[in-house]
Amino acid sequence: MPAKTTRPSATTLVARPRLFRGLDRAAKRLITWVSAPPGAGKTVLIASYLVARHITNLWYQIDNGDNDIASFFYFLSLAAPRGVKHCRF
């Protein structure tokens, strides 16, 4: 499976309770935007949060190549589990 649709491993990471509480509050909303400078740990934070909270998820890392709609849907279909009738994003 391509790297853009595989969540990074987060099994040996340190939990960040304050940030996790913020994500818990944000999870009540339809969309949550996590913003910080490059290298600040956004991907690691989200990956570790999903593992810590045992949240089933669809991982899709957006990049500049996603401006082609056919490629976007191709990789999205790789990320989506078979037989899923609905997803909450």
PDB file of N, CA and C in Angstrom:
ATOM      1  N   MET A   1       0.858  -1.173   0.000  1.00  0.00           N
ATOM      2  CA  MET A   1       0.000   0.000   0.000  1.00  0.00           C
ATOM      3  C   MET A   1       0.902   1.233   0.000  1.00  0.00           C
ATOM      4  N   PRO A   2       0.590   2.212  -0.811  1.00  0.00           N
ATOM      5  CA  PRO A   2       1.418   3.426  -0.894  1.00  0.00           C
ATOM      6  C   PRO A   2       1.490   4.179   0.438  1.00  0.00           C
ATOM      7  N   ALA A   3       2.579   4.896   0.625  1.00  0.00           N
ATOM      8  CA  ALA A   3       2.787   5.642   1.869  1.00  0.00           C
ATOM      9  C   ALA A   3       1.702   6.676   2.116  1.00  0.00           C
ATOM     10  N   LYS A   4       1.117   7.224   1.065  1.00  0.00           N
ATOM     11  CA  LYS A   4       0.111   8.271   1.265  1.00  0.00           C
ATOM     12  C   LYS A   4      -1.182   7.736   1.858  1.00  0.00           C
ATOM     13  N   THR A   5      -1.379   6.403   1.821  1.00  0.00           N
ATOM     14  CA  THR A   5      -2.604   5.835   2.388  1.00  0.00           C
ATOM     15  C   THR A   5      -2.324   4.912   3.570  1.00  0.00           C
ATOM     16  N   THR A   6      -1.126   4.970   4.131  1.00  0.00           N
ATOM     17  CA  THR A   6      -0.766   4.143   5.281  1.00  0.00           C
ATOM     18  C   THR A   6      -0.389   5.049   6.446  1.00  0.00           C
ATOM     19  N   ARG A   7      -1.121   4.915   7.551  1.00  0.00           N
ATOM     20  CA  ARG A   7      -0.836   5.731   8.731  1.00  0.00           C
ATOM     21  C   ARG A   7       0.539   5.378   9.271  1.00  0.00           C
ATOM     22  N   PRO A   8       1.354   6.360   9.628  1.00  0.00           N
ATOM     23  CA  PRO A   8       2.673   6.079  10.213  1.00  0.00           C
ATOM     24  C   PRO A   8       2.524   5.295  11.514  1.00  0.00           C
ATOM     25  N   SER A   9       3.489   4.464  11.812  1.00  0.00           N
ATOM     26  CA  SER A   9       3.476   3.699  13.054  1.00  0.00           C
ATOM     27  C   SER A   9       3.584   4.661  14.231  1.00  0.00           C
ATOM     28  N   ALA A  10       2.790   4.402  15.261  1.00  0.00           N
ATOM     29  CA  ALA A  10       2.807   5.292  16.423  1.00  0.00           C
ATOM     30  C   ALA A  10       2.804   4.480  17.714  1.00  0.00           C
ATOM     31  N   THR A  11       3.396   3.301  17.701  1.00  0.00           N
ATOM     32  CA  THR A  11       3.319   2.426  18.868  1.00  0.00           C
ATOM     33  C   THR A  11       4.297   2.790  19.980  1.00  0.00           C
ATOM     34  N   THR A  12       5.391   3.457  19.674  1.00  0.00           N
ATOM     35  CA  THR A  12       6.384   3.765  20.709  1.00  0.00           C
ATOM     36  C   THR A  12       6.443   5.260  21.026  1.00  0.00           C
ATOM     37  N   LEU A  13       5.395   5.975  20.729  1.00  0.00           N
ATOM     38  CA  LEU A  13       5.390   7.417  20.937  1.00  0.00           C
ATOM     39  C   LEU A  13       4.854   7.786  22.313  1.00  0.00           C
ATOM     40  N   VAL A  14       5.253   8.934  22.780  1.00  0.00           N
ATOM     41  CA  VAL A  14       4.785   9.440  24.062  1.00  0.00           C
ATOM     42  C   VAL A  14       3.437  10.134  23.863  1.00  0.00           C
ATOM     43  N   ALA A  15       2.476   9.783  24.705  1.00  0.00           N
ATOM     44  CA  ALA A  15       1.166  10.431  24.647  1.00  0.00           C
ATOM     45  C   ALA A  15       1.288  11.886  25.099  1.00  0.00           C
ATOM     46  N   ARG A  16       0.503  12.742  24.517  1.00  0.00           N
ATOM     47  CA  ARG A  16       0.512  14.162  24.892  1.00  0.00           C
ATOM     48  C   ARG A  16      -0.884  14.538  25.382  1.00  0.00           C
ATOM     49  N   PRO A  17      -1.150  14.363  26.687  1.00  0.00           N
ATOM     50  CA  PRO A  17      -2.495  14.511  27.238  1.00  0.00           C
ATOM     51  C   PRO A  17      -3.174  15.839  26.912  1.00  0.00           C
ATOM     52  N   ARG A  18      -2.440  16.944  26.995  1.00  0.00           N
ATOM     53  CA  ARG A  18      -3.071  18.253  26.729  1.00  0.00           C
ATOM     54  C   ARG A  18      -3.530  18.339  25.283  1.00  0.00           C
ATOM     55  N   LEU A  19      -2.684  17.919  24.355  1.00  0.00           N
ATOM     56  CA  LEU A  19      -3.061  17.956  22.942  1.00  0.00           C
ATOM     57  C   LEU A  19      -4.154  16.940  22.638  1.00  0.00           C
ATOM     58  N   PHE A  20      -4.100  15.766  23.283  1.00  0.00           N
ATOM     59  CA  PHE A  20      -5.146  14.761  23.078  1.00  0.00           C
ATOM     60  C   PHE A  20      -6.496  15.285  23.570  1.00  0.00           C
ATOM     61  N   ARG A  21      -6.514  15.988  24.697  1.00  0.00           N
ATOM     62  CA  ARG A  21      -7.779  16.566  25.182  1.00  0.00           C
ATOM     63  C   ARG A  21      -8.332  17.571  24.172  1.00  0.00           C
ATOM     64  N   GLY A  22      -7.449  18.371  23.581  1.00  0.00           N
ATOM     65  CA  GLY A  22      -7.884  19.307  22.545  1.00  0.00           C
ATOM     66  C   GLY A  22      -8.463  18.584  21.344  1.00  0.00           C
ATOM     67  N   LEU A  23      -7.830  17.484  20.949  1.00  0.00           N
ATOM     68  CA  LEU A  23      -8.357  16.696  19.829  1.00  0.00           C
ATOM     69  C   LEU A  23      -9.673  16.016  20.201  1.00  0.00           C
ATOM     70  N   ASP A  24      -9.818  15.603  21.469  1.00  0.00           N
ATOM     71  CA  ASP A  24     -11.100  15.033  21.916  1.00  0.00           C
ATOM     72  C   ASP A  24     -12.228  16.046  21.749  1.00  0.00           C
ATOM     73  N   ARG A  25     -11.964  17.290  22.147  1.00  0.00           N
ATOM     74  CA  ARG A  25     -12.981  18.344  21.986  1.00  0.00           C
ATOM     75  C   ARG A  25     -13.254  18.613  20.509  1.00  0.00           C
ATOM     76  N   ALA A  26     -12.201  18.645  19.713  1.00  0.00           N
ATOM     77  CA  ALA A  26     -12.347  18.926  18.281  1.00  0.00           C
ATOM     78  C   ALA A  26     -13.077  17.804  17.551  1.00  0.00           C
ATOM     79  N   ALA A  27     -12.974  16.578  18.049  1.00  0.00           N
ATOM     80  CA  ALA A  27     -13.597  15.428  17.386  1.00  0.00           C
ATOM     81  C   ALA A  27     -15.117  15.518  17.369  1.00  0.00           C
ATOM     82  N   LYS A  28     -15.678  16.394  18.180  1.00  0.00           N
ATOM     83  CA  LYS A  28     -17.130  16.583  18.196  1.00  0.00           C
ATOM     84  C   LYS A  28     -17.603  17.398  16.997  1.00  0.00           C
ATOM     85  N   ARG A  29     -16.673  17.991  16.292  1.00  0.00           N
ATOM     86  CA  ARG A  29     -16.998  18.800  15.116  1.00  0.00           C
ATOM     87  C   ARG A  29     -16.824  17.962  13.853  1.00  0.00           C
ATOM     88  N   LEU A  30     -17.379  18.437  12.770  1.00  0.00           N
ATOM     89  CA  LEU A  30     -17.314  17.706  11.508  1.00  0.00           C
ATOM     90  C   LEU A  30     -15.897  17.666  10.949  1.00  0.00           C
ATOM     91  N   ILE A  31     -15.172  18.784  11.040  1.00  0.00           N
ATOM     92  CA  ILE A  31     -13.819  18.882  10.492  1.00  0.00           C
ATOM     93  C   ILE A  31     -12.892  19.489  11.542  1.00  0.00           C
ATOM     94  N   THR A  32     -11.684  18.955  11.619  1.00  0.00           N
ATOM     95  CA  THR A  32     -10.654  19.498  12.496  1.00  0.00           C
ATOM     96  C   THR A  32      -9.428  19.794  11.659  1.00  0.00           C
ATOM     97  N   TRP A  33      -8.910  20.996  11.771  1.00  0.00           N
ATOM     98  CA  TRP A  33      -7.722  21.405  11.026  1.00  0.00           C
ATOM     99  C   TRP A  33      -6.570  21.508  12.014  1.00  0.00           C
ATOM    100  N   VAL A  34      -5.486  20.784  11.770  1.00  0.00           N
ATOM    101  CA  VAL A  34      -4.297  20.847  12.616  1.00  0.00           C
ATOM    102  C   VAL A  34      -3.229  21.585  11.823  1.00  0.00           C
ATOM    103  N   SER A  35      -2.745  22.684  12.379  1.00  0.00           N
ATOM    104  CA  SER A  35      -1.790  23.524  11.664  1.00  0.00           C
ATOM    105  C   SER A  35      -0.587  23.824  12.547  1.00  0.00           C
ATOM    106  N   ALA A  36       0.588  23.719  11.953  1.00  0.00           N
ATOM    107  CA  ALA A  36       1.843  24.041  12.636  1.00  0.00           C
ATOM    108  C   ALA A  36       2.942  24.062  11.579  1.00  0.00           C
ATOM    109  N   PRO A  37       4.101  24.625  11.905  1.00  0.00           N
ATOM    110  CA  PRO A  37       5.204  24.646  10.945  1.00  0.00           C
ATOM    111  C   PRO A  37       5.674  23.231  10.592  1.00  0.00           C
ATOM    112  N   PRO A  38       6.352  23.088   9.459  1.00  0.00           N
ATOM    113  CA  PRO A  38       6.914  21.781   9.091  1.00  0.00           C
ATOM    114  C   PRO A  38       7.828  21.253  10.193  1.00  0.00           C
ATOM    115  N   GLY A  39       7.697  19.978  10.481  1.00  0.00           N
ATOM    116  CA  GLY A  39       8.546  19.351  11.484  1.00  0.00           C
ATOM    117  C   GLY A  39       8.062  19.500  12.913  1.00  0.00           C
ATOM    118  N   ALA A  40       6.899  20.120  13.110  1.00  0.00           N
ATOM    119  CA  ALA A  40       6.393  20.347  14.464  1.00  0.00           C
ATOM    120  C   ALA A  40       5.758  19.104  15.077  1.00  0.00           C
ATOM    121  N   GLY A  41       5.477  18.093  14.266  1.00  0.00           N
ATOM    122  CA  GLY A  41       4.931  16.854  14.807  1.00  0.00           C
ATOM    123  C   GLY A  41       3.452  16.641  14.571  1.00  0.00           C
ATOM    124  N   LYS A  42       2.877  17.306  13.577  1.00  0.00           N
ATOM    125  CA  LYS A  42       1.439  17.164  13.303  1.00  0.00           C
ATOM    126  C   LYS A  42       1.071  15.724  12.953  1.00  0.00           C
ATOM    127  N   THR A  43       1.813  15.124  12.053  1.00  0.00           N
ATOM    128  CA  THR A  43       1.516  13.761  11.618  1.00  0.00           C
ATOM    129  C   THR A  43       1.667  12.780  12.773  1.00  0.00           C
ATOM    130  N   VAL A  44       2.731  12.924  13.548  1.00  0.00           N
ATOM    131  CA  VAL A  44       2.976  12.048  14.694  1.00  0.00           C
ATOM    132  C   VAL A  44       1.868  12.224  15.730  1.00  0.00           C
ATOM    133  N   LEU A  45       1.453  13.459  15.980  1.00  0.00           N
ATOM    134  CA  LEU A  45       0.379  13.722  16.936  1.00  0.00           C
ATOM    135  C   LEU A  45      -0.899  12.994  16.526  1.00  0.00           C
ATOM    136  N   ILE A  46      -1.309  13.167  15.285  1.00  0.00           N
ATOM    137  CA  ILE A  46      -2.563  12.559  14.835  1.00  0.00           C
ATOM    138  C   ILE A  46      -2.453  11.037  14.820  1.00  0.00           C
ATOM    139  N   ALA A  47      -1.345  10.508  14.334  1.00  0.00           N
ATOM    140  CA  ALA A  47      -1.167   9.054  14.304  1.00  0.00           C
ATOM    141  C   ALA A  47      -1.202   8.467  15.716  1.00  0.00           C
ATOM    142  N   SER A  48      -0.519   9.108  16.666  1.00  0.00           N
ATOM    143  CA  SER A  48      -0.500   8.595  18.040  1.00  0.00           C
ATOM    144  C   SER A  48      -1.865   8.747  18.703  1.00  0.00           C
ATOM    145  N   TYR A  49      -2.585   9.806  18.381  1.00  0.00           N
ATOM    146  CA  TYR A  49      -3.935  10.009  18.924  1.00  0.00           C
ATOM    147  C   TYR A  49      -4.873   8.903  18.443  1.00  0.00           C
ATOM    148  N   LEU A  50      -4.823   8.581  17.171  1.00  0.00           N
ATOM    149  CA  LEU A  50      -5.680   7.533  16.620  1.00  0.00           C
ATOM    150  C   LEU A  50      -5.404   6.186  17.282  1.00  0.00           C
ATOM    151  N   VAL A  51      -4.132   5.888  17.520  1.00  0.00           N
ATOM    152  CA  VAL A  51      -3.761   4.638  18.179  1.00  0.00           C
ATOM    153  C   VAL A  51      -4.213   4.657  19.639  1.00  0.00           C
ATOM    154  N   ALA A  52      -3.934   5.743  20.351  1.00  0.00           N
ATOM    155  CA  ALA A  52      -4.272   5.833  21.777  1.00  0.00           C
ATOM    156  C   ALA A  52      -5.767   5.744  22.020  1.00  0.00           C
ATOM    157  N   ARG A  53      -6.555   6.313  21.117  1.00  0.00           N
ATOM    158  CA  ARG A  53      -8.013   6.326  21.294  1.00  0.00           C
ATOM    159  C   ARG A  53      -8.704   5.163  20.563  1.00  0.00           C
ATOM    160  N   HIS A  54      -7.917   4.287  19.944  1.00  0.00           N
ATOM    161  CA  HIS A  54      -8.458   3.123  19.211  1.00  0.00           C
ATOM    162  C   HIS A  54      -9.507   3.555  18.195  1.00  0.00           C
ATOM    163  N   ILE A  55      -9.172   4.568  17.419  1.00  0.00           N
ATOM    164  CA  ILE A  55     -10.104   5.127  16.434  1.00  0.00           C
ATOM    165  C   ILE A  55      -9.849   4.498  15.071  1.00  0.00           C
ATOM    166  N   THR A  56     -10.884   3.886  14.524  1.00  0.00           N
ATOM    167  CA  THR A  56     -10.805   3.377  13.160  1.00  0.00           C
ATOM    168  C   THR A  56     -10.738   4.587  12.240  1.00  0.00           C
ATOM    169  N   ASN A  57      -9.830   4.549  11.277  1.00  0.00           N
ATOM    170  CA  ASN A  57      -9.641   5.732  10.452  1.00  0.00           C
ATOM    171  C   ASN A  57      -9.272   5.361   9.031  1.00  0.00           C
ATOM    172  N   LEU A  58      -9.416   6.327   8.182  1.00  0.00           N
ATOM    173  CA  LEU A  58      -8.956   6.242   6.805  1.00  0.00           C
ATOM    174  C   LEU A  58      -7.844   7.273   6.696  1.00  0.00           C
ATOM    175  N   TRP A  59      -6.633   6.829   6.397  1.00  0.00           N
ATOM    176  CA  TRP A  59      -5.481   7.729   6.326  1.00  0.00           C
ATOM    177  C   TRP A  59      -5.219   8.100   4.878  1.00  0.00           C
ATOM    178  N   TYR A  60      -5.184   9.385   4.608  1.00  0.00           N
ATOM    179  CA  TYR A  60      -4.879   9.863   3.257  1.00  0.00           C
ATOM    180  C   TYR A  60      -4.044  11.119   3.393  1.00  0.00           C
ATOM    181  N   GLN A  61      -2.803  11.049   2.994  1.00  0.00           N
ATOM    182  CA  GLN A  61      -1.893  12.190   3.099  1.00  0.00           C
ATOM    183  C   GLN A  61      -1.919  12.976   1.790  1.00  0.00           C
ATOM    184  N   ILE A  62      -2.447  14.171   1.843  1.00  0.00           N
ATOM    185  CA  ILE A  62      -2.587  15.011   0.656  1.00  0.00           C
ATOM    186  C   ILE A  62      -1.255  15.681   0.328  1.00  0.00           C
ATOM    187  N   ASP A  63      -0.928  15.724  -0.964  1.00  0.00           N
ATOM    188  CA  ASP A  63       0.282  16.401  -1.400  1.00  0.00           C
ATOM    189  C   ASP A  63       0.017  17.105  -2.728  1.00  0.00           C
ATOM    190  N   ASN A  64       1.042  17.710  -3.299  1.00  0.00           N
ATOM    191  CA  ASN A  64       0.879  18.482  -4.540  1.00  0.00           C
ATOM    192  C   ASN A  64       0.389  17.641  -5.709  1.00  0.00           C
ATOM    193  N   GLY A  65       0.632  16.341  -5.690  1.00  0.00           N
ATOM    194  CA  GLY A  65       0.193  15.479  -6.778  1.00  0.00           C
ATOM    195  C   GLY A  65      -1.308  15.234  -6.801  1.00  0.00           C
ATOM    196  N   ASP A  66      -2.008  15.679  -5.773  1.00  0.00           N
ATOM    197  CA  ASP A  66      -3.444  15.449  -5.695  1.00  0.00           C
ATOM    198  C   ASP A  66      -4.262  16.460  -6.495  1.00  0.00           C
ATOM    199  N   ASN A  67      -3.609  17.240  -7.331  1.00  0.00           N
ATOM    200  CA  ASN A  67      -4.360  18.168  -8.176  1.00  0.00           C
ATOM    201  C   ASN A  67      -4.967  17.445  -9.377  1.00  0.00           C
ATOM    202  N   ASP A  68      -4.608  16.182  -9.583  1.00  0.00           N
ATOM    203  CA  ASP A  68      -5.211  15.366 -10.627  1.00  0.00           C
ATOM    204  C   ASP A  68      -6.337  14.553  -9.986  1.00  0.00           C
ATOM    205  N   ILE A  69      -7.577  14.819 -10.366  1.00  0.00           N
ATOM    206  CA  ILE A  69      -8.733  14.216  -9.705  1.00  0.00           C
ATOM    207  C   ILE A  69      -8.751  12.698  -9.849  1.00  0.00           C
ATOM    208  N   ALA A  70      -8.294  12.178 -10.985  1.00  0.00           N
ATOM    209  CA  ALA A  70      -8.267  10.724 -11.171  1.00  0.00           C
ATOM    210  C   ALA A  70      -7.295  10.064 -10.190  1.00  0.00           C
ATOM    211  N   SER A  71      -6.108  10.654 -10.007  1.00  0.00           N
ATOM    212  CA  SER A  71      -5.143  10.119  -9.047  1.00  0.00           C
ATOM    213  C   SER A  71      -5.673  10.211  -7.619  1.00  0.00           C
ATOM    214  N   PHE A  72      -6.325  11.320  -7.310  1.00  0.00           N
ATOM    215  CA  PHE A  72      -6.899  11.498  -5.980  1.00  0.00           C
ATOM    216  C   PHE A  72      -7.864  10.358  -5.659  1.00  0.00           C
ATOM    217  N   PHE A  73      -8.810  10.095  -6.545  1.00  0.00           N
ATOM    218  CA  PHE A  73      -9.797   9.046  -6.282  1.00  0.00           C
ATOM    219  C   PHE A  73      -9.182   7.652  -6.330  1.00  0.00           C
ATOM    220  N   TYR A  74      -8.157   7.454  -7.144  1.00  0.00           N
ATOM    221  CA  TYR A  74      -7.475   6.168  -7.176  1.00  0.00           C
ATOM    222  C   TYR A  74      -6.855   5.868  -5.809  1.00  0.00           C
ATOM    223  N   PHE A  75      -6.071   6.804  -5.278  1.00  0.00           N
ATOM    224  CA  PHE A  75      -5.427   6.583  -3.985  1.00  0.00           C
ATOM    225  C   PHE A  75      -6.441   6.544  -2.850  1.00  0.00           C
ATOM    226  N   LEU A  76      -7.497   7.339  -2.950  1.00  0.00           N
ATOM    227  CA  LEU A  76      -8.545   7.296  -1.938  1.00  0.00           C
ATOM    228  C   LEU A  76      -9.208   5.926  -1.924  1.00  0.00           C
ATOM    229  N   SER A  77      -9.412   5.329  -3.096  1.00  0.00           N
ATOM    230  CA  SER A  77     -10.011   3.994  -3.145  1.00  0.00           C
ATOM    231  C   SER A  77      -9.080   2.952  -2.529  1.00  0.00           C
ATOM    232  N   LEU A  78      -7.771   3.142  -2.624  1.00  0.00           N
ATOM    233  CA  LEU A  78      -6.831   2.228  -1.974  1.00  0.00           C
ATOM    234  C   LEU A  78      -6.903   2.342  -0.453  1.00  0.00           C
ATOM    235  N   ALA A  79      -7.158   3.542   0.027  1.00  0.00           N
ATOM    236  CA  ALA A  79      -7.208   3.776   1.467  1.00  0.00           C
ATOM    237  C   ALA A  79      -8.504   3.263   2.085  1.00  0.00           C
ATOM    238  N   ALA A  80      -9.587   3.288   1.332  1.00  0.00           N
ATOM    239  CA  ALA A  80     -10.902   2.907   1.871  1.00  0.00           C
ATOM    240  C   ALA A  80     -11.003   1.390   1.995  1.00  0.00           C
ATOM    241  N   PRO A  81     -11.403   0.915   3.168  1.00  0.00           N
ATOM    242  CA  PRO A  81     -11.581  -0.527   3.330  1.00  0.00           C
ATOM    243  C   PRO A  81     -12.740  -1.040   2.476  1.00  0.00           C
ATOM    244  N   ARG A  82     -12.629  -2.244   2.007  1.00  0.00           N
ATOM    245  CA  ARG A  82     -13.687  -2.857   1.204  1.00  0.00           C
ATOM    246  C   ARG A  82     -14.935  -3.057   2.054  1.00  0.00           C
ATOM    247  N   GLY A  83     -16.092  -2.828   1.459  1.00  0.00           N
ATOM    248  CA  GLY A  83     -17.355  -3.086   2.143  1.00  0.00           C
ATOM    249  C   GLY A  83     -17.830  -1.992   3.079  1.00  0.00           C
ATOM    250  N   VAL A  84     -17.093  -0.900   3.179  1.00  0.00           N
ATOM    251  CA  VAL A  84     -17.519   0.204   4.039  1.00  0.00           C
ATOM    252  C   VAL A  84     -18.645   0.962   3.361  1.00  0.00           C
ATOM    253  N   LYS A  85     -19.742   1.126   4.065  1.00  0.00           N
ATOM    254  CA  LYS A  85     -20.892   1.815   3.483  1.00  0.00           C
ATOM    255  C   LYS A  85     -20.880   3.311   3.770  1.00  0.00           C
ATOM    256  N   HIS A  86     -20.215   3.710   4.851  1.00  0.00           N
ATOM    257  CA  HIS A  86     -20.112   5.140   5.161  1.00  0.00           C
ATOM    258  C   HIS A  86     -18.872   5.391   6.017  1.00  0.00           C
ATOM    259  N   CYS A  87     -18.393   6.602   5.957  1.00  0.00           N
ATOM    260  CA  CYS A  87     -17.255   7.017   6.774  1.00  0.00           C
ATOM    261  C   CYS A  87     -17.569   8.360   7.390  1.00  0.00           C
ATOM    262  N   ARG A  88     -17.059   8.595   8.568  1.00  0.00           N
ATOM    263  CA  ARG A  88     -17.145   9.906   9.195  1.00  0.00           C
ATOM    264  C   ARG A  88     -15.767  10.535   9.086  1.00  0.00           C
ATOM    265  N   PHE A  89     -15.681  11.676   8.449  1.00  0.00           N
ATOM    266  CA  PHE A  89     -14.398  12.358   8.289  1.00  0.00           C
ATOM    267  C   PHE A  89     -14.318  13.507   9.261  1.00  0.00           C
TER     268      PHE A  89
END
